[in-house]
């Protein structure tokens, strides 16, 4: 985080997070994962992926929210201008502190579950993204980009305060669809769902081999790791 925020700012972010979770009933697994994540804040661990896309990139969240945002009176995401060239900087949080939940919504096994990602439910995530947007603006004013970037379009150039950037983020945040952890691989007493053989606790022959077993997010896209989980599952099953 230190390239984006000062040591004092990081300390304050951690303190606010501690206050938020002080009254929450955390599982041993959540406590362990939060301890690891807090340590990463002061280490050289990539917490935000910066994707530089050579063009105008519209996300699903942008398309979904644009109409409602404009009706509400907030400028929101703009539209590409004719005969203009764009560079899109996407700020993707790698290790969010917010935790969502998934619950059975029906006795019908084919019915979709009830999913609540609870994005930005922890203030530290919103603060991290605010610093990320400001860092992106700093990058655009640094060579070699400074000589070729005319202006920032989204958020609008006048969106400069932390409060204004926060509102922009809350209105336009989206998912990179790298969801994990709904049946975490961890000791049962810590809140885990599957064991080291990928078997669901309390069952004889039910195994899970996908991203849902990952107890903590990785600083990468999940596809290659899921391939590895599949390979490991195949070896485990063949050996039994």
C-alpha atoms as a PDB file:
ATOM      1  CA  UNK A   1       0.000   0.000   0.000  1.00  0.00           C
ATOM      2  CA  UNK A   2       2.882   2.396   0.665  1.00  0.00           C
ATOM      3  CA  UNK A   3       3.208   3.582  -2.949  1.00  0.00           C
ATOM      4  CA  UNK A   4      -0.424   4.732  -2.675  1.00  0.00           C
ATOM      5  CA  UNK A   5      -0.748   5.689   1.005  1.00  0.00           C
ATOM      6  CA  UNK A   6       1.639   6.864   3.714  1.00  0.00           C
ATOM      7  CA  UNK A   7       2.592   4.728   6.693  1.00  0.00           C
ATOM      8  CA  UNK A   8       0.413   6.927   8.923  1.00  0.00           C
ATOM      9  CA  UNK A   9      -2.573   6.574   6.603  1.00  0.00           C
ATOM     10  CA  UNK A  10      -2.149   2.798   6.542  1.00  0.00           C
ATOM     11  CA  UNK A  11      -1.978   2.697  10.346  1.00  0.00           C
ATOM     12  CA  UNK A  12      -5.200   4.716  10.552  1.00  0.00           C
ATOM     13  CA  UNK A  13      -6.911   2.411   8.046  1.00  0.00           C
ATOM     14  CA  UNK A  14      -5.975  -0.618  10.139  1.00  0.00           C
ATOM     15  CA  UNK A  15      -7.196   1.069  13.330  1.00  0.00           C
ATOM     16  CA  UNK A  16     -10.599   1.832  11.800  1.00  0.00           C
ATOM     17  CA  UNK A  17     -10.848  -1.751  10.586  1.00  0.00           C
ATOM     18  CA  UNK A  18     -10.071  -3.073  14.069  1.00  0.00           C
ATOM     19  CA  UNK A  19     -12.875  -0.932  15.480  1.00  0.00           C
ATOM     20  CA  UNK A  20     -15.329  -2.272  12.900  1.00  0.00           C
ATOM     21  CA  UNK A  21     -14.632  -5.946  13.599  1.00  0.00           C
ATOM     22  CA  UNK A  22     -14.264  -5.598  17.380  1.00  0.00           C
ATOM     23  CA  UNK A  23     -17.955  -6.306  17.940  1.00  0.00           C
ATOM     24  CA  UNK A  24     -18.270  -8.968  15.242  1.00  0.00           C
ATOM     25  CA  UNK A  25     -18.324 -12.684  15.968  1.00  0.00           C
ATOM     26  CA  UNK A  26     -15.485 -13.922  13.785  1.00  0.00           C
ATOM     27  CA  UNK A  27     -14.621 -17.543  13.113  1.00  0.00           C
ATOM     28  CA  UNK A  28     -11.045 -18.694  13.787  1.00  0.00           C
ATOM     29  CA  UNK A  29     -10.563 -18.821  10.007  1.00  0.00           C
ATOM     30  CA  UNK A  30     -11.674 -15.210   9.598  1.00  0.00           C
ATOM     31  CA  UNK A  31      -9.387 -14.092  12.415  1.00  0.00           C
ATOM     32  CA  UNK A  32      -6.447 -15.900  10.824  1.00  0.00           C
ATOM     33  CA  UNK A  33      -7.112 -14.473   7.362  1.00  0.00           C
ATOM     34  CA  UNK A  34      -7.530 -10.928   8.678  1.00  0.00           C
ATOM     35  CA  UNK A  35      -4.241 -11.219  10.570  1.00  0.00           C
ATOM     36  CA  UNK A  36      -2.463 -12.203   7.352  1.00  0.00           C
ATOM     37  CA  UNK A  37      -4.123  -9.431   5.358  1.00  0.00           C
ATOM     38  CA  UNK A  38      -3.267  -6.741   7.912  1.00  0.00           C
ATOM     39  CA  UNK A  39       0.358  -7.830   7.718  1.00  0.00           C
ATOM     40  CA  UNK A  40       0.330  -7.435   3.943  1.00  0.00           C
ATOM     41  CA  UNK A  41      -0.617  -3.756   4.249  1.00  0.00           C
ATOM     42  CA  UNK A  42       2.912  -2.913   5.391  1.00  0.00           C
ATOM     43  CA  UNK A  43       4.725  -5.389   3.166  1.00  0.00           C
ATOM     44  CA  UNK A  44       5.644  -5.415  -0.502  1.00  0.00           C
ATOM     45  CA  UNK A  45       2.549  -7.380  -1.447  1.00  0.00           C
ATOM     46  CA  UNK A  46       0.472  -6.337  -4.430  1.00  0.00           C
ATOM     47  CA  UNK A  47      -2.908  -5.329  -3.024  1.00  0.00           C
ATOM     48  CA  UNK A  48      -4.274  -3.652  -6.154  1.00  0.00           C
ATOM     49  CA  UNK A  49      -3.922  -4.855  -9.726  1.00  0.00           C
ATOM     50  CA  UNK A  50      -3.647  -1.978 -12.189  1.00  0.00           C
ATOM     51  CA  UNK A  51      -4.886  -3.032 -15.610  1.00  0.00           C
ATOM     52  CA  UNK A  52      -4.006  -0.656 -18.432  1.00  0.00           C
ATOM     53  CA  UNK A  53      -6.445  -1.247 -21.273  1.00  0.00           C
ATOM     54  CA  UNK A  54      -5.628   0.434 -24.622  1.00  0.00           C
ATOM     55  CA  UNK A  55      -9.073   1.845 -25.290  1.00  0.00           C
ATOM     56  CA  UNK A  56     -12.429   2.778 -23.804  1.00  0.00           C
ATOM     57  CA  UNK A  57     -13.552  -0.056 -21.562  1.00  0.00           C
ATOM     58  CA  UNK A  58     -17.142  -0.322 -20.422  1.00  0.00           C
ATOM     59  CA  UNK A  59     -17.758  -2.680 -17.514  1.00  0.00           C
ATOM     60  CA  UNK A  60     -20.997  -4.473 -16.722  1.00  0.00           C
ATOM     61  CA  UNK A  61     -21.322  -2.328 -13.596  1.00  0.00           C
ATOM     62  CA  UNK A  62     -20.933   0.847 -15.646  1.00  0.00           C
ATOM     63  CA  UNK A  63     -23.616  -0.194 -18.118  1.00  0.00           C
ATOM     64  CA  UNK A  64     -25.927  -1.332 -15.340  1.00  0.00           C
ATOM     65  CA  UNK A  65     -25.610   1.821 -13.272  1.00  0.00           C
ATOM     66  CA  UNK A  66     -25.243   4.565 -15.883  1.00  0.00           C
ATOM     67  CA  UNK A  67     -28.942   5.245 -16.394  1.00  0.00           C
ATOM     68  CA  UNK A  68     -29.846   5.234 -12.698  1.00  0.00           C
ATOM     69  CA  UNK A  69     -26.870   7.427 -11.815  1.00  0.00           C
ATOM     70  CA  UNK A  70     -27.732  10.023 -14.446  1.00  0.00           C
ATOM     71  CA  UNK A  71     -31.375  10.096 -13.334  1.00  0.00           C
ATOM     72  CA  UNK A  72     -30.198  10.679  -9.768  1.00  0.00           C
ATOM     73  CA  UNK A  73     -28.312  13.760 -10.913  1.00  0.00           C
ATOM     74  CA  UNK A  74     -24.801  12.369 -10.626  1.00  0.00           C
ATOM     75  CA  UNK A  75     -22.690  12.553 -13.764  1.00  0.00           C
ATOM     76  CA  UNK A  76     -21.457   9.006 -13.458  1.00  0.00           C
ATOM     77  CA  UNK A  77     -19.711   7.238 -16.309  1.00  0.00           C
ATOM     78  CA  UNK A  78     -19.484   9.194 -19.522  1.00  0.00           C
ATOM     79  CA  UNK A  79     -19.527   8.032 -23.104  1.00  0.00           C
ATOM     80  CA  UNK A  80     -16.601   7.905 -25.525  1.00  0.00           C
ATOM     81  CA  UNK A  81     -16.170  10.982 -27.669  1.00  0.00           C
ATOM     82  CA  UNK A  82     -15.897  10.852 -31.460  1.00  0.00           C
ATOM     83  CA  UNK A  83     -12.371  10.674 -32.895  1.00  0.00           C
ATOM     84  CA  UNK A  84     -10.785  10.383 -29.452  1.00  0.00           C
ATOM     85  CA  UNK A  85      -8.235   7.864 -28.216  1.00  0.00           C
ATOM     86  CA  UNK A  86      -8.570   6.388 -24.754  1.00  0.00           C
ATOM     87  CA  UNK A  87      -6.555   4.569 -22.106  1.00  0.00           C
ATOM     88  CA  UNK A  88      -8.516   2.843 -19.348  1.00  0.00           C
ATOM     89  CA  UNK A  89      -6.896   2.183 -15.970  1.00  0.00           C
ATOM     90  CA  UNK A  90      -8.752  -0.468 -13.988  1.00  0.00           C
ATOM     91  CA  UNK A  91      -8.025  -0.664 -10.261  1.00  0.00           C
ATOM     92  CA  UNK A  92      -8.718  -4.217  -9.111  1.00  0.00           C
ATOM     93  CA  UNK A  93      -8.500  -5.020  -5.398  1.00  0.00           C
ATOM     94  CA  UNK A  94      -6.696  -8.322  -4.880  1.00  0.00           C
ATOM     95  CA  UNK A  95      -7.332  -8.931  -1.184  1.00  0.00           C
ATOM     96  CA  UNK A  96     -10.590  -7.301  -0.032  1.00  0.00           C
ATOM     97  CA  UNK A  97     -11.418  -7.346   3.671  1.00  0.00           C
ATOM     98  CA  UNK A  98     -15.163  -7.364   3.035  1.00  0.00           C
ATOM     99  CA  UNK A  99     -16.769 -10.788   3.275  1.00  0.00           C
ATOM    100  CA  UNK A 100     -19.917 -11.855   1.463  1.00  0.00           C
ATOM    101  CA  UNK A 101     -22.180 -14.808   2.061  1.00  0.00           C
ATOM    102  CA  UNK A 102     -24.063 -17.493   0.161  1.00  0.00           C
ATOM    103  CA  UNK A 103     -27.152 -19.254   1.477  1.00  0.00           C
ATOM    104  CA  UNK A 104     -29.605 -21.863   0.241  1.00  0.00           C
ATOM    105  CA  UNK A 105     -32.737 -20.054  -0.881  1.00  0.00           C
ATOM    106  CA  UNK A 106     -35.028 -22.987  -1.600  1.00  0.00           C
ATOM    107  CA  UNK A 107     -35.521 -26.708  -1.062  1.00  0.00           C
ATOM    108  CA  UNK A 108     -35.185 -27.038  -4.832  1.00  0.00           C
ATOM    109  CA  UNK A 109     -31.579 -28.161  -5.516  1.00  0.00           C
ATOM    110  CA  UNK A 110     -31.700 -26.501  -8.945  1.00  0.00           C
ATOM    111  CA  UNK A 111     -32.768 -23.101  -7.612  1.00  0.00           C
ATOM    112  CA  UNK A 112     -30.022 -20.445  -7.495  1.00  0.00           C
ATOM    113  CA  UNK A 113     -28.644 -19.618  -4.045  1.00  0.00           C
ATOM    114  CA  UNK A 114     -29.016 -16.278  -2.326  1.00  0.00           C
ATOM    115  CA  UNK A 115     -25.720 -14.441  -2.810  1.00  0.00           C
ATOM    116  CA  UNK A 116     -24.709 -11.200  -1.116  1.00  0.00           C
ATOM    117  CA  UNK A 117     -21.133 -10.114  -1.958  1.00  0.00           C
ATOM    118  CA  UNK A 118     -21.323  -7.271   0.606  1.00  0.00           C
ATOM    119  CA  UNK A 119     -18.866  -5.207  -1.409  1.00  0.00           C
ATOM    120  CA  UNK A 120     -17.303  -2.337   0.558  1.00  0.00           C
ATOM    121  CA  UNK A 121     -18.876  -3.557   3.810  1.00  0.00           C
ATOM    122  CA  UNK A 122     -15.488  -2.843   5.381  1.00  0.00           C
ATOM    123  CA  UNK A 123     -14.339   0.777   5.147  1.00  0.00           C
ATOM    124  CA  UNK A 124     -10.745  -0.273   4.523  1.00  0.00           C
ATOM    125  CA  UNK A 125     -11.742  -1.566   1.076  1.00  0.00           C
ATOM    126  CA  UNK A 126     -13.331   1.730   0.070  1.00  0.00           C
ATOM    127  CA  UNK A 127     -10.326   3.635   1.396  1.00  0.00           C
ATOM    128  CA  UNK A 128      -7.977   1.388  -0.579  1.00  0.00           C
ATOM    129  CA  UNK A 129      -9.895   2.066  -3.781  1.00  0.00           C
ATOM    130  CA  UNK A 130      -9.934   5.818  -3.106  1.00  0.00           C
ATOM    131  CA  UNK A 131      -6.149   5.757  -2.817  1.00  0.00           C
ATOM    132  CA  UNK A 132      -6.040   3.641  -5.984  1.00  0.00           C
ATOM    133  CA  UNK A 133      -8.039   6.163  -8.010  1.00  0.00           C
ATOM    134  CA  UNK A 134      -5.798   8.978  -6.775  1.00  0.00           C
ATOM    135  CA  UNK A 135      -2.745   6.899  -7.643  1.00  0.00           C
ATOM    136  CA  UNK A 136      -4.149   6.355 -11.133  1.00  0.00           C
ATOM    137  CA  UNK A 137      -4.466  10.107 -11.540  1.00  0.00           C
ATOM    138  CA  UNK A 138      -0.857  10.472 -10.395  1.00  0.00           C
ATOM    139  CA  UNK A 139       0.227   7.931 -13.020  1.00  0.00           C
ATOM    140  CA  UNK A 140      -1.577   9.857 -15.748  1.00  0.00           C
ATOM    141  CA  UNK A 141       0.402  12.969 -14.819  1.00  0.00           C
ATOM    142  CA  UNK A 142       3.725  11.125 -14.859  1.00  0.00           C
ATOM    143  CA  UNK A 143       5.798  10.615 -18.006  1.00  0.00           C
ATOM    144  CA  UNK A 144       5.446   9.069 -20.474  1.00  0.00           C
ATOM    145  CA  UNK A 145       1.673   9.264 -19.914  1.00  0.00           C
ATOM    146  CA  UNK A 146       1.705  12.964 -19.020  1.00  0.00           C
ATOM    147  CA  UNK A 147       2.601  13.943 -22.580  1.00  0.00           C
ATOM    148  CA  UNK A 148      -0.222  11.982 -24.179  1.00  0.00           C
ATOM    149  CA  UNK A 149      -3.086  12.146 -21.663  1.00  0.00           C
ATOM    150  CA  UNK A 150      -5.259  15.200 -22.311  1.00  0.00           C
ATOM    151  CA  UNK A 151      -7.696  14.792 -19.426  1.00  0.00           C
ATOM    152  CA  UNK A 152      -9.448  12.301 -17.217  1.00  0.00           C
ATOM    153  CA  UNK A 153     -13.004  11.491 -18.203  1.00  0.00           C
ATOM    154  CA  UNK A 154     -14.204   9.013 -15.584  1.00  0.00           C
ATOM    155  CA  UNK A 155     -14.362  10.016 -12.880  1.00  0.00           C
ATOM    156  CA  UNK A 156     -14.773  13.580 -14.134  1.00  0.00           C
ATOM    157  CA  UNK A 157     -11.799  15.942 -13.627  1.00  0.00           C
ATOM    158  CA  UNK A 158     -13.638  17.823 -10.865  1.00  0.00           C
ATOM    159  CA  UNK A 159     -14.055  14.636  -8.805  1.00  0.00           C
ATOM    160  CA  UNK A 160     -11.008  15.184  -6.609  1.00  0.00           C
ATOM    161  CA  UNK A 161     -12.004  15.014  -2.943  1.00  0.00           C
ATOM    162  CA  UNK A 162     -11.984  11.711  -1.087  1.00  0.00           C
ATOM    163  CA  UNK A 163     -15.737  12.042  -0.498  1.00  0.00           C
ATOM    164  CA  UNK A 164     -16.474  12.594  -4.197  1.00  0.00           C
ATOM    165  CA  UNK A 165     -14.206   9.732  -5.259  1.00  0.00           C
ATOM    166  CA  UNK A 166     -15.901   7.483  -2.687  1.00  0.00           C
ATOM    167  CA  UNK A 167     -19.320   8.239  -4.165  1.00  0.00           C
ATOM    168  CA  UNK A 168     -18.012   7.493  -7.653  1.00  0.00           C
ATOM    169  CA  UNK A 169     -16.593   4.153  -6.493  1.00  0.00           C
ATOM    170  CA  UNK A 170     -19.792   3.132  -4.698  1.00  0.00           C
ATOM    171  CA  UNK A 171     -21.825   3.940  -7.805  1.00  0.00           C
ATOM    172  CA  UNK A 172     -19.556   2.133 -10.271  1.00  0.00           C
ATOM    173  CA  UNK A 173     -17.878  -0.737  -8.425  1.00  0.00           C
ATOM    174  CA  UNK A 174     -18.048  -4.123 -10.117  1.00  0.00           C
ATOM    175  CA  UNK A 175     -16.715  -7.639  -9.763  1.00  0.00           C
ATOM    176  CA  UNK A 176     -13.899  -9.336 -11.635  1.00  0.00           C
ATOM    177  CA  UNK A 177     -15.818 -12.584 -10.978  1.00  0.00           C
ATOM    178  CA  UNK A 178     -13.028 -14.266  -9.030  1.00  0.00           C
ATOM    179  CA  UNK A 179     -15.270 -15.335  -6.160  1.00  0.00           C
ATOM    180  CA  UNK A 180     -13.779 -17.804  -3.679  1.00  0.00           C
ATOM    181  CA  UNK A 181     -14.097 -19.264  -0.211  1.00  0.00           C
ATOM    182  CA  UNK A 182     -17.690 -20.453   0.104  1.00  0.00           C
ATOM    183  CA  UNK A 183     -16.492 -23.943   1.143  1.00  0.00           C
ATOM    184  CA  UNK A 184     -13.020 -23.156   2.423  1.00  0.00           C
ATOM    185  CA  UNK A 185     -10.300 -25.759   2.801  1.00  0.00           C
ATOM    186  CA  UNK A 186      -9.344 -25.468   6.468  1.00  0.00           C
ATOM    187  CA  UNK A 187      -9.615 -27.388   9.745  1.00  0.00           C
ATOM    188  CA  UNK A 188     -13.251 -27.977  10.673  1.00  0.00           C
ATOM    189  CA  UNK A 189     -12.784 -26.363  14.076  1.00  0.00           C
ATOM    190  CA  UNK A 190     -11.612 -23.189  12.341  1.00  0.00           C
ATOM    191  CA  UNK A 191     -14.715 -22.976  10.178  1.00  0.00           C
ATOM    192  CA  UNK A 192     -13.461 -25.006   7.229  1.00  0.00           C
ATOM    193  CA  UNK A 193     -15.783 -27.046   5.010  1.00  0.00           C
ATOM    194  CA  UNK A 194     -13.426 -29.416   3.161  1.00  0.00           C
ATOM    195  CA  UNK A 195     -10.339 -31.291   4.326  1.00  0.00           C
ATOM    196  CA  UNK A 196      -6.947 -31.740   2.674  1.00  0.00           C
ATOM    197  CA  UNK A 197      -8.388 -34.534   0.530  1.00  0.00           C
ATOM    198  CA  UNK A 198     -10.992 -32.040  -0.747  1.00  0.00           C
ATOM    199  CA  UNK A 199     -13.715 -34.041   0.991  1.00  0.00           C
ATOM    200  CA  UNK A 200     -16.600 -32.220   2.661  1.00  0.00           C
ATOM    201  CA  UNK A 201     -16.530 -32.782   6.419  1.00  0.00           C
ATOM    202  CA  UNK A 202     -19.201 -35.241   7.536  1.00  0.00           C
ATOM    203  CA  UNK A 203     -19.553 -36.923   4.134  1.00  0.00           C
ATOM    204  CA  UNK A 204     -18.092 -40.126   2.734  1.00  0.00           C
ATOM    205  CA  UNK A 205     -17.681 -39.290  -0.935  1.00  0.00           C
ATOM    206  CA  UNK A 206     -18.470 -35.617  -1.607  1.00  0.00           C
ATOM    207  CA  UNK A 207     -15.492 -33.624  -2.848  1.00  0.00           C
ATOM    208  CA  UNK A 208     -15.155 -30.040  -4.038  1.00  0.00           C
ATOM    209  CA  UNK A 209     -12.526 -29.043  -6.591  1.00  0.00           C
ATOM    210  CA  UNK A 210     -12.963 -25.417  -7.622  1.00  0.00           C
ATOM    211  CA  UNK A 211     -12.225 -21.861  -6.459  1.00  0.00           C
ATOM    212  CA  UNK A 212     -14.709 -22.143  -3.604  1.00  0.00           C
ATOM    213  CA  UNK A 213     -12.177 -24.091  -1.500  1.00  0.00           C
ATOM    214  CA  UNK A 214      -9.619 -21.257  -1.501  1.00  0.00           C
ATOM    215  CA  UNK A 215      -9.711 -19.761   2.024  1.00  0.00           C
ATOM    216  CA  UNK A 216      -7.897 -16.540   1.138  1.00  0.00           C
ATOM    217  CA  UNK A 217      -7.643 -14.650  -2.110  1.00  0.00           C
ATOM    218  CA  UNK A 218      -4.477 -14.776  -4.173  1.00  0.00           C
ATOM    219  CA  UNK A 219      -2.757 -11.828  -5.831  1.00  0.00           C
ATOM    220  CA  UNK A 220      -3.638 -13.113  -9.271  1.00  0.00           C
ATOM    221  CA  UNK A 221      -6.486 -14.181 -11.501  1.00  0.00           C
ATOM    222  CA  UNK A 222      -7.882 -17.489 -10.296  1.00  0.00           C
ATOM    223  CA  UNK A 223      -7.935 -19.555 -13.503  1.00  0.00           C
ATOM    224  CA  UNK A 224      -4.475 -21.110 -13.260  1.00  0.00           C
ATOM    225  CA  UNK A 225      -4.917 -21.894  -9.574  1.00  0.00           C
ATOM    226  CA  UNK A 226      -8.243 -23.595 -10.301  1.00  0.00           C
ATOM    227  CA  UNK A 227      -6.519 -25.706 -12.967  1.00  0.00           C
ATOM    228  CA  UNK A 228      -4.027 -26.736 -10.279  1.00  0.00           C
ATOM    229  CA  UNK A 229      -6.839 -27.619  -7.881  1.00  0.00           C
ATOM    230  CA  UNK A 230      -8.391 -29.793 -10.583  1.00  0.00           C
ATOM    231  CA  UNK A 231      -5.102 -31.597 -11.205  1.00  0.00           C
ATOM    232  CA  UNK A 232      -4.649 -32.164  -7.480  1.00  0.00           C
ATOM    233  CA  UNK A 233      -8.205 -33.462  -7.166  1.00  0.00           C
ATOM    234  CA  UNK A 234      -7.624 -35.924 -10.008  1.00  0.00           C
ATOM    235  CA  UNK A 235      -4.531 -37.327  -8.290  1.00  0.00           C
ATOM    236  CA  UNK A 236      -6.349 -37.620  -4.959  1.00  0.00           C
ATOM    237  CA  UNK A 237      -9.309 -39.437  -6.509  1.00  0.00           C
ATOM    238  CA  UNK A 238      -7.095 -41.788  -8.546  1.00  0.00           C
ATOM    239  CA  UNK A 239      -5.115 -42.738  -5.457  1.00  0.00           C
ATOM    240  CA  UNK A 240      -8.205 -43.748  -3.460  1.00  0.00           C
END
